Amino acid sequence: MKLFIVRHGETDWNTVKRIQGQTDTNLNENGVRLAELTAEGLSDTGFDYIFSSPLKRARKTAEIIRGARPLPIFEDDRLKEMFFGDYEGTTKAERPEDCCITTLFKDAGNYVPENGAESIEDLVKRAQAFLDERIYPLEEVKSDANILVLGHGALNKALMTCLMHWAKKDFWGYVQQKNCTVTIFEIKAGEATLVEPGKTFYE
């Protein structure tokens, strides 16, 4: 069974590095283009299941990649992006230098949430629950299934942390997640192997 984890296309907030979290932003024109190029790159992949965050930027990317495939898109709230509390909607210049978000991105192992932000532990917990309840059982249904999961930068890293048993300090390491990056895992008997760390279909 193969699991394709994809980050949503670009938004206007991405272009200015404004933290989105669970703020429901839309794809911009370039984001739609990136999703279309990704759809073209994955056009020969016979997906059996598609799961998506309900946030518009992820859902729209999932719809574009699905194309004409006669498949439903299953939305799951556990695939929403990490919640950044009062820091959602801010850029680096608008946040105190010593705020928890700075620590999150520079030294994840020592991140302690504040002002309503979600912890890495809680994010990983909901990612694990999604995998346990929605993904792993599908291996018994169709062992050679191709599964598309459309998520977000931090959420996707949480899924990968669960799949690869990474330590908290390595949360951002190993795999880059630019917009529309495709990361592929092979899952056999509940164990995951990283097959493709991070592929994009655009320059």
Protein backbone atom coordinates (compact mmCIF):
# COMPACT_ATOMS: atom_id res chain seq x y z
CA MET A 1 0.00 0.00 0.00
CA LYS A 2 1.32 3.42 -0.94
CA LEU A 3 0.55 6.63 0.89
CA PHE A 4 0.99 9.90 -1.04
CA ILE A 5 1.19 12.84 1.37
CA VAL A 6 0.84 16.18 -0.43
CA ARG A 7 0.94 19.75 0.83
CA HIS A 8 -1.60 22.24 -0.54
CA GLY A 9 -0.81 24.73 -3.31
CA GLU A 10 0.37 28.28 -2.76
CA THR A 11 -1.73 31.00 -1.08
CA ASP A 12 -1.17 34.73 -0.85
CA TRP A 13 -0.19 34.26 2.79
CA ASN A 14 2.49 31.76 1.75
CA THR A 15 4.09 34.38 -0.48
CA VAL A 16 4.64 36.77 2.46
CA LYS A 17 5.31 33.99 5.02
CA ARG A 18 2.22 34.85 7.04
CA ILE A 19 1.29 32.01 9.38
CA GLN A 20 -2.00 30.43 8.29
CA GLY A 21 -2.62 27.59 10.70
CA GLN A 22 -6.34 26.90 10.70
CA THR A 23 -7.25 30.23 9.09
CA ASP A 24 -9.23 29.21 6.01
CA THR A 25 -7.29 30.83 3.16
CA ASN A 26 -7.74 30.16 -0.56
CA LEU A 27 -5.25 29.10 -3.21
CA ASN A 28 -3.94 31.98 -5.29
CA GLU A 29 -3.54 31.81 -9.07
CA ASN A 30 -0.07 30.32 -8.80
CA GLY A 31 -1.34 27.83 -6.23
CA VAL A 32 -3.92 26.58 -8.71
CA ARG A 33 -1.17 26.30 -11.34
CA LEU A 34 1.06 24.27 -9.00
CA ALA A 35 -1.85 21.97 -8.19
CA GLU A 36 -2.56 21.50 -11.90
CA LEU A 37 1.09 20.62 -12.58
CA THR A 38 1.00 18.17 -9.69
CA ALA A 39 -2.19 16.64 -11.06
CA GLU A 40 -0.46 16.18 -14.40
CA GLY A 41 2.54 14.59 -12.71
CA LEU A 42 0.31 12.15 -10.83
CA SER A 43 -2.09 11.52 -13.72
CA ASP A 44 -0.91 7.93 -14.20
CA THR A 45 -1.36 7.06 -10.53
CA GLY A 46 -4.50 5.06 -9.89
CA PHE A 47 -5.66 6.43 -6.56
CA ASP A 48 -8.11 4.32 -4.59
CA TYR A 49 -8.81 6.71 -1.73
CA ILE A 50 -8.48 10.46 -1.22
CA PHE A 51 -8.44 12.17 2.17
CA SER A 52 -8.18 15.92 2.71
CA SER A 53 -8.11 18.61 5.32
CA PRO A 54 -11.41 20.51 5.15
CA LEU A 55 -9.55 23.83 4.85
CA LYS A 56 -10.17 25.35 1.41
CA ARG A 57 -6.55 25.52 0.26
CA ALA A 58 -6.15 21.78 0.84
CA ARG A 59 -9.59 20.72 -0.37
CA LYS A 60 -9.19 22.66 -3.64
CA THR A 61 -5.76 21.11 -4.23
CA ALA A 62 -7.26 17.66 -3.64
CA GLU A 63 -10.04 18.37 -6.14
CA ILE A 64 -7.56 19.50 -8.79
CA ILE A 65 -5.35 16.44 -8.31
CA ARG A 66 -8.37 14.12 -8.33
CA GLY A 67 -9.35 15.44 -11.74
CA ALA A 68 -11.87 13.20 -13.49
CA ARG A 69 -11.32 10.20 -11.21
CA PRO A 70 -14.71 9.03 -9.90
CA LEU A 71 -13.61 9.14 -6.27
CA PRO A 72 -15.07 10.88 -3.23
CA ILE A 73 -12.82 13.14 -1.17
CA PHE A 74 -13.09 12.24 2.51
CA GLU A 75 -12.55 15.31 4.69
CA ASP A 76 -11.12 14.80 8.17
CA ASP A 77 -10.73 17.55 10.77
CA ARG A 78 -7.61 15.82 12.09
CA LEU A 79 -5.87 16.82 8.85
CA LYS A 80 -6.27 20.53 9.58
CA GLU A 81 -3.06 22.49 9.95
CA MET A 82 -1.43 23.00 13.34
CA PHE A 83 -3.23 25.72 15.30
CA PHE A 84 -1.00 28.69 16.10
CA GLY A 85 -3.34 30.51 18.47
CA ASP A 86 -2.93 34.28 18.66
CA TYR A 87 -0.03 34.09 16.21
CA GLU A 88 -2.19 33.06 13.26
CA GLY A 89 -2.15 35.73 10.58
CA THR A 90 1.21 37.16 11.65
CA THR A 91 4.54 37.45 9.85
CA LYS A 92 7.92 37.08 11.52
CA ALA A 93 8.27 40.88 11.69
CA GLU A 94 4.97 41.12 13.54
CA ARG A 95 5.90 38.60 16.26
CA PRO A 96 8.21 39.05 19.27
CA GLU A 97 11.62 37.54 18.54
CA ASP A 98 11.41 35.35 21.63
CA CYS A 99 7.88 34.03 21.03
CA CYS A 100 7.13 30.32 20.96
CA ILE A 101 6.68 30.30 17.18
CA THR A 102 10.32 31.27 16.73
CA THR A 103 11.29 28.30 18.91
CA LEU A 104 8.94 26.00 17.00
CA PHE A 105 10.65 26.63 13.68
CA LYS A 106 14.24 26.88 14.97
CA ASP A 107 14.33 24.34 17.80
CA ALA A 108 11.23 22.15 17.75
CA GLY A 109 12.49 19.95 20.58
CA ASN A 110 12.20 22.85 23.00
CA TYR A 111 8.91 24.26 21.70
CA VAL A 112 6.39 25.09 24.43
CA PRO A 113 3.12 26.54 23.08
CA GLU A 114 1.66 29.77 24.38
CA ASN A 115 -1.27 32.10 23.64
CA GLY A 116 -3.51 29.23 22.56
CA ALA A 117 -1.08 27.59 20.13
CA GLU A 118 -1.20 23.82 19.68
CA SER A 119 1.60 21.62 21.00
CA ILE A 120 3.59 19.28 18.76
CA GLU A 121 2.46 16.44 21.02
CA ASP A 122 -1.23 17.19 20.43
CA LEU A 123 -0.66 17.61 16.69
CA VAL A 124 1.13 14.26 16.48
CA LYS A 125 -1.59 12.65 18.60
CA ARG A 126 -4.34 13.60 16.14
CA ALA A 127 -2.15 12.61 13.18
CA GLN A 128 -1.62 9.18 14.77
CA ALA A 129 -5.35 8.82 15.40
CA PHE A 130 -6.04 9.58 11.74
CA LEU A 131 -3.53 6.96 10.59
CA ASP A 132 -4.84 4.36 13.04
CA GLU A 133 -8.50 4.89 12.18
CA ARG A 134 -8.49 5.80 8.48
CA ILE A 135 -5.26 4.58 6.83
CA TYR A 136 -3.85 1.42 8.41
CA PRO A 137 -7.18 -0.51 8.22
CA LEU A 138 -7.25 -0.01 4.44
CA GLU A 139 -4.32 -2.41 4.06
CA GLU A 140 -6.67 -5.28 4.91
CA VAL A 141 -9.19 -4.03 2.34
CA LYS A 142 -6.74 -3.46 -0.52
CA SER A 143 -3.08 -4.20 0.18
CA ASP A 144 -1.91 -2.51 -3.03
CA ALA A 145 -4.04 0.62 -2.60
CA ASN A 146 -2.76 4.07 -3.54
CA ILE A 147 -3.94 6.63 -1.00
CA LEU A 148 -3.75 10.41 -1.43
CA VAL A 149 -3.68 12.56 1.71
CA LEU A 150 -3.87 16.31 1.19
CA GLY A 151 -2.66 18.33 4.14
CA HIS A 152 -0.45 21.13 5.38
CA GLY A 153 3.19 21.79 6.21
CA ALA A 154 3.20 21.04 9.94
CA LEU A 155 0.37 18.51 9.79
CA ASN A 156 2.17 16.52 7.11
CA LYS A 157 5.32 16.54 9.25
CA ALA A 158 3.23 15.15 12.11
CA LEU A 159 2.03 12.30 9.87
CA MET A 160 5.63 11.59 8.87
CA THR A 161 6.72 11.72 12.51
CA CYS A 162 4.19 8.99 13.26
CA LEU A 163 5.12 6.89 10.24
CA MET A 164 8.88 7.12 10.77
CA HIS A 165 8.95 7.39 14.58
CA TRP A 166 10.93 10.64 14.52
CA ALA A 167 11.86 12.40 17.74
CA LYS A 168 10.28 15.78 18.52
CA LYS A 169 13.60 17.54 17.92
CA ASP A 170 13.64 16.18 14.36
CA PHE A 171 10.12 17.40 13.55
CA TRP A 172 11.18 19.67 10.67
CA GLY A 173 14.09 17.53 9.47
CA TYR A 174 14.67 15.06 6.67
CA VAL A 175 11.80 15.96 4.33
CA GLN A 176 11.10 19.34 2.76
CA GLN A 177 7.47 20.36 2.30
CA LYS A 178 7.17 23.13 -0.26
CA ASN A 179 3.75 23.80 -1.74
CA CYS A 180 2.47 20.71 -3.58
CA THR A 181 5.41 18.57 -2.49
CA VAL A 182 4.61 14.85 -2.85
CA THR A 183 6.06 12.48 -0.25
CA ILE A 184 5.45 8.76 -0.73
CA PHE A 185 5.50 5.94 1.82
CA GLU A 186 5.16 2.19 1.31
CA ILE A 187 3.15 0.58 4.10
CA LYS A 188 3.35 -3.15 4.76
CA ALA A 189 1.96 -4.83 7.88
CA GLY A 190 1.58 -1.44 9.50
CA GLU A 191 5.21 -0.44 9.00
CA ALA A 192 6.17 2.47 6.75
CA THR A 193 9.15 2.88 4.43
CA LEU A 194 9.98 6.25 2.91
CA VAL A 195 10.00 5.78 -0.87
CA GLU A 196 10.03 9.37 -2.13
CA PRO A 197 11.10 12.06 0.37
CA GLY A 198 9.84 15.07 -1.51
CA LYS A 199 9.03 15.45 -5.19
CA THR A 200 7.58 18.48 -6.96
CA PHE A 201 6.35 18.65 -10.54
CA TYR A 202 7.35 22.25 -11.08
CA GLU A 203 10.55 24.30 -11.07
